Protein backbone atom coordinates (compact mmCIF):
# COMPACT_ATOMS: atom_id res chain seq x y z
CA MET A 1 0.01 -0.04 -0.09
CA ASP A 2 3.05 2.34 0.77
CA GLY A 3 4.37 2.06 -2.34
CA LEU A 4 1.38 3.16 -4.55
CA THR A 5 0.97 6.67 -5.74
CA ARG A 6 -2.04 8.15 -4.27
CA VAL A 7 -4.38 10.41 -6.50
CA PRO A 8 -5.54 13.72 -4.55
CA PRO A 9 -9.40 13.61 -4.33
CA THR A 10 -9.26 16.91 -6.52
CA ALA A 11 -7.44 15.52 -9.21
CA GLY A 12 -9.62 12.66 -9.63
CA GLY A 13 -12.54 15.12 -9.74
CA ALA A 14 -10.79 17.26 -12.47
CA VAL A 15 -10.19 13.86 -14.55
CA VAL A 16 -13.80 13.14 -14.38
CA SER A 17 -14.75 16.56 -15.20
CA LYS A 18 -12.50 16.75 -18.46
CA ALA A 19 -13.69 13.24 -19.54
CA ARG A 20 -17.52 14.66 -19.22
CA SER A 21 -16.48 17.85 -21.02
CA ARG A 22 -14.91 15.72 -23.87
CA GLY A 23 -17.80 13.63 -24.08
CA LEU A 24 -20.22 16.62 -24.37
CA ARG A 25 -18.12 18.01 -27.29
CA ALA A 26 -18.03 14.72 -29.04
CA ALA A 27 -22.03 14.49 -28.82
CA PHE A 28 -22.12 17.92 -29.80
CA VAL A 29 -19.91 17.33 -33.08
CA THR A 30 -21.81 14.12 -33.79
CA PHE A 31 -25.24 15.48 -33.48
CA SER A 32 -23.86 19.05 -35.59
CA GLU A 33 -22.56 16.79 -38.50
CA THR A 34 -25.67 14.47 -38.60
CA LEU A 35 -27.86 17.67 -38.57
CA LYS A 36 -25.95 18.81 -41.74
CA LEU A 37 -26.04 15.63 -43.30
CA ALA A 38 -29.84 15.43 -42.85
CA LEU A 39 -30.34 19.13 -44.45
CA SER A 40 -27.89 18.52 -47.30
CA ALA A 41 -30.34 15.33 -47.92
CA LEU A 42 -33.15 17.28 -47.81
CA ARG A 43 -31.97 20.17 -50.11
CA ALA A 44 -30.90 17.63 -52.55
CA HIS A 45 -34.48 16.67 -53.22
CA LYS A 46 -36.58 19.76 -52.41
CA LEU A 47 -39.53 19.08 -54.51
CA ARG A 48 -39.77 15.19 -53.09
CA SER A 49 -39.16 16.63 -49.75
CA PHE A 50 -42.02 19.41 -49.80
CA LEU A 51 -44.48 16.65 -51.29
CA THR A 52 -43.70 14.22 -48.49
CA LEU A 53 -44.65 16.96 -45.92
CA LEU A 54 -47.73 17.84 -47.64
CA GLY A 55 -49.75 15.77 -44.89
CA VAL A 56 -47.60 17.41 -42.02
CA ILE A 57 -48.36 20.59 -43.31
CA LEU A 58 -51.61 20.38 -43.51
CA ALA A 59 -52.06 18.68 -40.12
CA VAL A 60 -50.17 21.92 -38.61
CA THR A 61 -51.75 24.17 -40.29
CA THR A 62 -55.46 22.72 -39.40
CA LEU A 63 -54.11 22.20 -35.61
CA VAL A 64 -52.84 26.07 -35.47
CA LEU A 65 -55.91 27.44 -37.30
CA VAL A 66 -58.54 25.91 -35.30
CA MET A 67 -56.51 26.66 -31.93
CA SER A 68 -56.39 30.51 -33.06
CA VAL A 69 -60.11 30.42 -34.17
CA ILE A 70 -61.18 28.91 -30.52
CA ASP A 71 -58.69 30.92 -28.87
CA GLY A 72 -59.78 34.19 -30.02
CA LEU A 73 -63.46 33.27 -30.08
CA ASN A 74 -62.70 32.50 -26.21
CA LEU A 75 -61.07 36.02 -25.82
CA TYR A 76 -64.00 37.55 -27.61
CA VAL A 77 -66.70 35.89 -25.54
CA ALA A 78 -65.10 36.92 -22.24
CA ASP A 79 -64.55 40.41 -23.62
CA ARG A 80 -67.87 41.15 -25.34
CA ILE A 81 -70.50 38.48 -24.06
CA ALA A 82 -69.61 36.93 -21.02
CA ASN A 83 -67.93 40.27 -19.34
CA LEU A 84 -70.72 41.36 -16.67
CA GLY A 85 -68.66 43.51 -15.08
CA ALA A 86 -65.73 43.22 -12.29
CA ASN A 87 -66.65 40.53 -9.83
CA VAL A 88 -70.52 40.59 -10.81
CA PHE A 89 -73.04 37.88 -11.18
CA LEU A 90 -76.71 37.93 -12.10
CA VAL A 91 -79.71 36.72 -10.15
CA HIS A 92 -81.88 35.76 -13.23
CA ARG A 93 -85.40 33.98 -13.78
CA PHE A 94 -84.02 31.37 -16.25
CA GLY A 95 -80.32 31.23 -15.91
CA ILE A 96 -78.55 29.03 -18.35
CA ILE A 97 -81.16 26.66 -20.02
CA THR A 98 -79.70 23.83 -22.11
CA SER A 99 -82.67 21.76 -23.45
CA GLU A 100 -86.27 22.17 -24.16
CA ASP A 101 -87.48 20.12 -21.10
CA GLU A 102 -85.66 22.78 -18.78
CA TRP A 103 -86.94 25.47 -20.56
CA ILE A 104 -90.60 24.32 -20.19
CA LYS A 105 -89.90 23.78 -16.45
CA ALA A 106 -88.44 27.39 -16.29
CA GLN A 107 -91.54 28.66 -17.78
CA LYS A 108 -93.28 27.81 -14.23
CA ARG A 109 -90.73 29.78 -12.21
CA PRO A 110 -92.14 32.83 -10.26
CA LEU A 111 -91.28 36.31 -11.43
CA ILE A 112 -88.56 38.15 -10.04
CA ASN A 113 -89.87 41.63 -8.99
CA TYR A 114 -88.77 44.85 -7.32
CA ASP A 115 -89.41 43.74 -3.79
CA ASP A 116 -86.99 40.86 -4.67
CA TYR A 117 -84.54 43.31 -5.54
CA ALA A 118 -84.97 45.70 -2.50
CA ARG A 119 -84.62 42.63 -0.10
CA LEU A 120 -81.51 41.42 -1.74
CA ARG A 121 -80.09 45.03 -1.57
CA ASP A 122 -81.22 45.68 1.99
CA ASN A 123 -79.91 42.04 3.14
CA MET A 124 -76.61 41.15 1.43
CA LYS A 125 -73.51 41.34 3.73
CA LEU A 126 -71.22 40.11 0.83
CA ALA A 127 -72.27 42.79 -1.85
CA SER A 128 -70.71 45.98 -2.87
CA ALA A 129 -73.49 47.01 -5.10
CA VAL A 130 -76.75 45.49 -6.13
CA ALA A 131 -78.31 46.87 -9.28
CA ALA A 132 -81.37 46.18 -11.31
CA GLU A 133 -82.86 46.34 -15.02
CA GLU A 134 -85.71 45.61 -17.17
CA ASP A 135 -85.82 46.19 -20.96
CA HIS A 136 -87.94 46.13 -23.84
CA PHE A 137 -86.99 46.19 -27.50
CA VAL A 138 -89.00 49.42 -28.59
CA GLU A 139 -89.40 51.81 -31.88
CA VAL A 140 -87.55 55.25 -31.25
CA LYS A 141 -88.37 58.55 -33.13
CA SER A 142 -86.80 62.04 -33.64
CA GLY A 143 -88.44 64.67 -35.92
CA ASN A 144 -88.73 62.34 -39.17
CA LEU A 145 -86.13 59.65 -38.38
CA THR A 146 -87.01 56.36 -37.00
CA MET A 147 -84.99 53.68 -35.37
CA GLU A 148 -86.41 50.14 -34.82
CA ASN A 149 -85.37 47.28 -32.45
CA VAL A 150 -83.68 49.64 -29.97
CA GLN A 151 -82.91 48.06 -26.41
CA MET A 152 -84.62 50.44 -23.76
CA PHE A 153 -83.45 49.70 -20.09
CA GLY A 154 -85.09 50.70 -17.00
CA THR A 155 -82.14 50.54 -14.55
CA THR A 156 -81.14 51.87 -11.06
CA PRO A 157 -78.77 54.75 -10.72
CA ASN A 158 -75.64 52.50 -10.04
CA PHE A 159 -76.01 50.25 -13.13
CA ALA A 160 -73.24 51.96 -15.11
CA GLU A 161 -70.92 51.54 -12.58
CA VAL A 162 -71.63 47.76 -11.67
CA ARG A 163 -71.68 47.07 -15.48
CA ASN A 164 -68.74 49.07 -16.44
CA LEU A 165 -70.48 52.08 -18.71
CA ASN A 166 -68.18 54.76 -19.43
CA VAL A 167 -69.60 58.09 -19.86
CA ALA A 168 -68.82 60.02 -23.21
CA GLN A 169 -70.86 62.90 -22.94
CA GLY A 170 -73.29 64.57 -20.20
CA ARG A 171 -74.15 62.11 -17.49
CA PHE A 172 -75.61 59.06 -16.06
CA ILE A 173 -79.11 58.77 -14.30
CA THR A 174 -78.80 59.81 -10.72
CA PRO A 175 -80.55 58.99 -7.54
CA ALA A 176 -82.42 62.26 -8.04
CA ASP A 177 -83.75 61.14 -11.41
CA GLU A 178 -84.90 57.95 -9.87
CA GLU A 179 -86.49 59.63 -6.93
CA HIS A 180 -88.54 61.86 -9.27
CA HIS A 181 -89.42 59.40 -11.94
CA SER A 182 -87.44 61.55 -14.30
CA GLU A 183 -88.25 61.01 -18.01
CA VAL A 184 -84.70 61.10 -19.23
CA VAL A 185 -82.43 58.86 -21.15
CA PHE A 186 -78.61 58.08 -21.40
CA ILE A 187 -78.15 56.51 -24.93
CA GLY A 188 -75.87 54.61 -27.01
CA PRO A 189 -73.53 55.87 -29.56
CA ASP A 190 -75.74 54.17 -32.36
CA LEU A 191 -78.80 56.56 -31.65
CA THR A 192 -76.39 59.78 -31.52
CA ALA A 193 -75.19 58.75 -34.91
CA LYS A 194 -78.67 58.03 -36.10
CA PHE A 195 -80.47 61.15 -34.70
CA PHE A 196 -77.80 63.77 -34.21
CA PRO A 197 -74.86 63.08 -36.33
CA ASN A 198 -73.78 66.67 -36.39
CA LEU A 199 -75.74 68.20 -33.28
CA ASP A 200 -74.89 67.88 -29.62
CA PRO A 201 -77.42 65.25 -28.37
CA LEU A 202 -77.86 66.74 -24.81
CA GLY A 203 -80.99 68.22 -24.21
CA LYS A 204 -82.43 66.80 -27.28
CA THR A 205 -85.71 64.92 -27.24
CA LEU A 206 -86.68 61.18 -28.08
CA ARG A 207 -89.96 59.75 -28.21
CA VAL A 208 -91.06 56.43 -27.89
CA GLN A 209 -94.85 55.73 -28.51
CA THR A 210 -96.45 58.70 -26.62
CA HIS A 211 -93.53 59.25 -24.30
CA ASN A 212 -90.89 61.99 -24.78
CA TYR A 213 -87.43 61.36 -23.10
CA GLU A 214 -84.70 64.40 -22.41
CA VAL A 215 -81.11 62.92 -23.43
CA ILE A 216 -78.84 63.57 -20.61
CA GLY A 217 -75.84 61.66 -21.83
CA VAL A 218 -73.92 59.45 -24.52
CA ALA A 219 -72.15 56.27 -23.68
CA GLU A 220 -68.62 55.33 -24.87
CA ALA A 221 -69.00 52.83 -27.82
CA LEU A 222 -68.53 49.22 -26.94
CA GLY A 223 -68.51 47.72 -30.58
CA SER A 224 -70.48 44.77 -31.60
CA ALA A 225 -70.41 41.22 -30.78
CA PHE A 226 -70.98 38.66 -33.61
CA GLY A 227 -72.01 41.12 -35.81
CA GLN A 228 -74.71 42.57 -33.71
CA SER A 229 -74.46 46.29 -32.03
CA GLN A 230 -74.18 46.57 -28.63
CA ASP A 231 -74.43 50.35 -28.66
CA ASN A 232 -78.01 50.33 -29.87
CA TYR A 233 -79.65 50.93 -26.46
CA MET A 234 -81.36 53.79 -24.16
CA ILE A 235 -81.30 53.70 -20.56
CA MET A 236 -83.75 55.28 -18.35
CA PRO A 237 -84.37 55.65 -14.48
CA LEU A 238 -85.91 52.25 -13.21
CA SER A 239 -88.75 54.09 -11.56
CA ALA A 240 -89.75 56.14 -14.91
CA TRP A 241 -89.76 52.73 -16.63
CA ARG A 242 -91.97 51.24 -14.11
CA LYS A 243 -94.39 54.12 -14.35
CA GLY A 244 -94.76 54.00 -18.13
CA TRP A 245 -93.77 50.37 -19.27
CA HIS A 246 -93.97 47.66 -16.70
CA THR A 247 -96.31 45.14 -17.10
CA ASN A 248 -97.62 42.09 -14.80
CA GLN A 249 -95.32 39.80 -17.07
CA ASP A 250 -92.05 41.74 -16.73
CA TRP A 251 -89.47 40.46 -14.34
CA LEU A 252 -86.13 42.30 -13.14
CA THR A 253 -82.41 41.11 -13.78
CA ILE A 254 -80.44 41.64 -10.46
CA PHE A 255 -76.69 42.68 -10.81
CA VAL A 256 -74.81 41.47 -7.66
CA GLN A 257 -71.11 42.76 -7.36
CA ALA A 258 -69.05 40.92 -4.88
CA PRO A 259 -66.42 43.01 -2.74
CA SER A 260 -63.37 41.13 -4.43
CA GLN A 261 -62.92 38.07 -6.79
CA GLU A 262 -62.00 35.84 -3.96
CA LEU A 263 -65.56 36.56 -2.25
CA MET A 264 -67.41 35.83 -5.39
CA ALA A 265 -68.48 32.28 -4.65
CA ALA A 266 -69.55 33.33 -0.98
CA SER A 267 -71.53 36.25 -2.40
CA GLU A 268 -73.29 34.13 -4.79
CA ASP A 269 -74.13 31.18 -1.99
CA GLU A 270 -75.54 34.15 0.04
CA ALA A 271 -77.52 35.41 -2.56
CA ARG A 272 -78.81 31.84 -3.32
CA MET A 273 -79.32 31.05 0.31
CA LEU A 274 -81.66 34.47 0.69
CA PHE A 275 -83.60 33.74 -2.40
CA ARG A 276 -84.18 30.04 -1.34
CA ALA A 277 -85.25 31.32 2.27
CA TRP A 278 -87.71 33.84 0.87
CA ARG A 279 -89.22 31.37 -1.58
CA HIS A 280 -89.48 28.90 1.14
CA LEU A 281 -87.84 26.03 -0.88
CA PRO A 282 -87.18 22.61 0.79
CA TYR A 283 -83.46 21.87 1.51
CA ASP A 284 -83.76 19.05 -1.34
CA ALA A 285 -85.63 21.29 -3.90
CA PRO A 286 -83.79 22.47 -6.84
CA ASP A 287 -83.51 26.39 -7.33
CA ASN A 288 -86.46 28.29 -8.99
CA PHE A 289 -84.16 30.89 -10.39
CA GLY A 290 -80.93 31.20 -11.73
CA ILE A 291 -77.32 32.59 -10.52
CA LEU A 292 -75.10 33.44 -13.52
CA GLY A 293 -71.83 34.47 -13.33
CA SER A 294 -68.98 35.19 -16.08
CA ASP A 295 -67.67 31.82 -15.10
CA SER A 296 -71.17 30.01 -16.14
CA ILE A 297 -71.23 31.45 -19.50
CA MET A 298 -67.37 30.50 -20.36
CA GLN A 299 -67.90 27.10 -18.95
CA LEU A 300 -71.20 26.99 -21.67
CA TRP A 301 -69.05 28.26 -24.23
CA HIS A 302 -66.21 25.76 -23.56
CA ASP A 303 -68.90 22.99 -23.75
CA LEU A 304 -69.79 23.84 -27.02
CA THR A 305 -66.35 24.40 -28.44
CA LYS A 306 -65.13 20.98 -27.18
CA ASN A 307 -66.93 19.29 -30.41
CA ILE A 308 -65.23 21.98 -32.73
CA ALA A 309 -61.98 20.77 -30.83
CA PHE A 310 -62.69 17.24 -31.30
CA VAL A 311 -63.67 17.16 -34.92
CA ALA A 312 -60.23 19.19 -35.46
CA MET A 313 -58.38 16.80 -33.22
CA ALA A 314 -59.67 14.02 -35.30
CA LEU A 315 -58.75 15.62 -38.52
CA VAL A 316 -55.28 16.72 -37.24
CA SER A 317 -54.67 12.93 -36.40
CA ILE A 318 -55.44 11.72 -39.74
CA PHE A 319 -53.34 13.96 -41.49
CA LEU A 320 -50.33 13.62 -39.37
CA VAL A 321 -50.79 9.55 -39.60
CA VAL A 322 -50.94 9.84 -43.37
CA GLY A 323 -48.01 12.39 -43.46
CA GLY A 324 -45.95 9.95 -41.21
CA ILE A 325 -46.54 6.94 -43.34
CA VAL A 326 -45.41 9.25 -46.48
CA ILE A 327 -42.31 10.07 -44.55
CA MET A 328 -41.37 6.49 -43.68
CA ASN A 329 -41.87 5.39 -46.94
CA ILE A 330 -39.67 8.33 -48.37
CA MET A 331 -37.05 7.46 -45.86
CA LEU A 332 -37.26 3.86 -46.83
CA ALA A 333 -36.54 4.67 -50.38
CA SER A 334 -33.87 7.12 -49.28
CA VAL A 335 -32.29 4.04 -47.48
CA THR A 336 -32.47 1.90 -50.69
CA GLU A 337 -30.81 4.71 -52.84
CA ARG A 338 -28.13 5.58 -50.31
CA THR A 339 -27.00 1.93 -49.93
CA ARG A 340 -23.53 2.31 -50.92
CA GLU A 341 -22.99 5.71 -49.08
CA ILE A 342 -24.16 3.70 -45.78
CA GLY A 343 -21.48 1.04 -46.51
CA LEU A 344 -18.63 3.83 -47.13
CA ARG A 345 -19.58 5.37 -43.78
CA ARG A 346 -19.31 2.22 -42.02
CA SER A 347 -16.39 1.36 -43.60
CA LEU A 348 -14.73 4.56 -42.60
CA GLY A 349 -15.74 3.79 -38.47
CA ALA A 350 -19.19 5.02 -38.56
CA ARG A 351 -21.05 2.67 -35.97
CA LYS A 352 -24.59 1.51 -36.15
CA LYS A 353 -25.56 4.44 -33.71
CA HIS A 354 -24.26 7.00 -35.93
CA ILE A 355 -26.21 5.60 -39.00
CA LEU A 356 -29.35 5.11 -36.97
CA LEU A 357 -29.09 8.77 -35.50
CA GLN A 358 -28.33 10.26 -39.09
CA PHE A 359 -31.48 8.82 -40.56
CA MET A 360 -33.99 9.26 -37.47
CA THR A 361 -32.45 13.01 -37.35
CA GLU A 362 -33.13 13.44 -41.03
CA SER A 363 -36.77 12.14 -40.34
CA ALA A 364 -37.25 14.61 -37.66
CA VAL A 365 -35.80 17.51 -39.51
CA LEU A 366 -38.19 16.87 -42.58
CA ALA A 367 -41.00 16.69 -39.98
CA ALA A 368 -39.85 19.57 -38.33
CA VAL A 369 -39.61 21.62 -41.37
CA GLY A 370 -42.96 20.82 -42.75
CA GLY A 371 -44.45 21.81 -39.02
CA MET A 372 -42.63 25.26 -39.65
CA ILE A 373 -44.19 25.73 -42.95
CA GLY A 374 -47.40 24.46 -41.54
CA ILE A 375 -47.15 27.42 -38.53
CA LEU A 376 -46.22 29.90 -41.21
CA ALA A 377 -49.17 28.97 -43.64
CA ALA A 378 -51.43 29.31 -40.54
CA TYR A 379 -50.04 32.53 -39.58
CA ALA A 380 -50.69 33.99 -43.21
CA ALA A 381 -54.49 32.52 -43.05
CA VAL A 382 -55.21 34.10 -39.84
CA PHE A 383 -53.67 37.48 -40.74
CA PHE A 384 -55.93 37.42 -43.91
CA VAL A 385 -59.05 36.19 -42.24
CA GLU A 386 -58.61 38.89 -39.77
CA GLU A 387 -58.00 41.97 -42.00
CA VAL A 388 -60.57 40.70 -44.50
CA PHE A 389 -63.56 39.58 -42.47
CA SER A 390 -62.69 40.83 -39.15
CA PHE A 391 -63.29 37.62 -37.42
CA PRO A 392 -61.86 37.32 -34.08
CA MET A 393 -58.68 34.91 -34.23
CA HIS A 394 -55.66 34.84 -31.72
CA THR A 395 -53.05 32.27 -32.15
CA PRO A 396 -51.49 31.23 -28.86
CA VAL A 397 -47.80 30.28 -28.20
CA SER A 398 -48.79 26.96 -26.98
CA ALA A 399 -50.48 26.20 -30.57
CA VAL A 400 -47.08 27.07 -32.03
CA ILE A 401 -45.25 24.77 -29.44
CA LEU A 402 -47.55 22.12 -29.72
CA SER A 403 -47.73 21.67 -33.36
CA LEU A 404 -43.97 21.94 -33.74
CA CYS A 405 -43.54 18.97 -31.06
CA LEU A 406 -46.20 16.84 -32.81
CA SER A 407 -44.61 17.31 -36.14
CA THR A 408 -41.13 16.61 -34.87
CA ALA A 409 -42.55 13.48 -32.62
CA VAL A 410 -44.10 11.80 -35.92
CA GLY A 411 -41.05 12.31 -37.94
CA LEU A 412 -39.10 10.64 -35.09
CA PHE A 413 -41.65 8.07 -34.66
CA PHE A 414 -42.07 6.83 -38.37
CA GLY A 415 -38.33 7.43 -38.96
CA ILE A 416 -37.35 4.50 -36.65
CA PHE A 417 -38.05 1.78 -39.06
CA PRO A 418 -36.09 3.22 -41.83
CA ALA A 419 -33.27 4.26 -39.55
CA MET A 420 -33.14 0.53 -38.02
CA ARG A 421 -33.05 -0.79 -41.47
CA ALA A 422 -30.16 1.34 -42.53
CA ALA A 423 -28.12 0.71 -39.40
CA LYS A 424 -28.65 -3.08 -39.72
CA LEU A 425 -26.97 -3.03 -43.42
CA ASP A 426 -23.81 -5.13 -43.69
CA PRO A 427 -21.18 -2.74 -44.57
CA ILE A 428 -19.52 -5.00 -47.14
CA GLU A 429 -22.74 -6.15 -48.84
CA ALA A 430 -23.68 -2.22 -48.77
CA LEU A 431 -20.47 -1.06 -50.48
CA ARG A 432 -21.25 -3.69 -53.16
CA SER A 433 -24.48 -2.25 -53.89
CA GLU A 434 -24.93 -0.40 -57.11
CA GLY A 435 -27.16 2.57 -55.42
């Protein structure tokens, strides 16, 4: 033992580190050389490579387009339709109805009236605001001009704050307007453009049947949702509405604003508990009213889009399988054509794993290139549709990453058999080949 030379521990660590570094460099050089060979093989047969990739290109383009449509519509619905306001939910007579049987049963539900609103407003502890509205579609006139299908609301004074309505001119209705049943209206930009295109609308009069209403304010534009304008409305005090338009068949929609997002669920539970108590519902009886929040609307929307996504995934899977089979066949043909080249490489020292890596890399690169072409084609299609048709589309980064990973994985999977076949070729027999 005393005659043996001892190696310090630090020296041993340095030797291991250097060996590891050399191994990494060798692996990098091998991979880079393999990648160069794969790219040169693809460049040598450009048309064949492109035709080989049609299945992958179609699959990736379809996948990215469908994900762009769904994501764009999700954002659109969340912003334009499901956006009830900050931390706001509805107490509604019907809620979400998804079948004819549910609709028939819901017709028997009691109406939500002003007393329900007043009790909820006065008794809720987990609500920063409680607002209410009723509405009809009416024909509005001013002078010789007429506008049909205008949505006329009767609301409480805090409605604009709860629903995030911004004032562009004038003011919104006030508690004084509500108290005095004032016949005043706050109008959407569509009415301003129709009746007062070059005039200040404030102080002007709009006529609905036998009622005349003074314009006190104009809202900021909201735009359209699925082609329907969201600015074609007029709002008056709920008291004036109830005086001039309310019938025994009309019912209120109540808007409840929770103090924070964290208290939304608790606030909904409180509203549900109060309504069930007032309506004397047994513990095992279903609600005879609806609690409707933005998450409920979005959940319904996601349920509807699941079918679209399922069909798209089935179509993409077919394209990918077809594209993968084409890649495999082309790679098998490539192995046959390059038999002599494989034999030459083996005779010069290349191992089976190097040949295997070369052909699998070539297959993966081929599919990845197809994936990138598909992504570029999808981006071009998204840009065209947005610019020409103004259809809401948004391409998420996840769609690009998923498409690229899927296409590369298809190339790797369907490249295994040709690569193994190339690696198993006998070097001597391969050199004798005339290919």
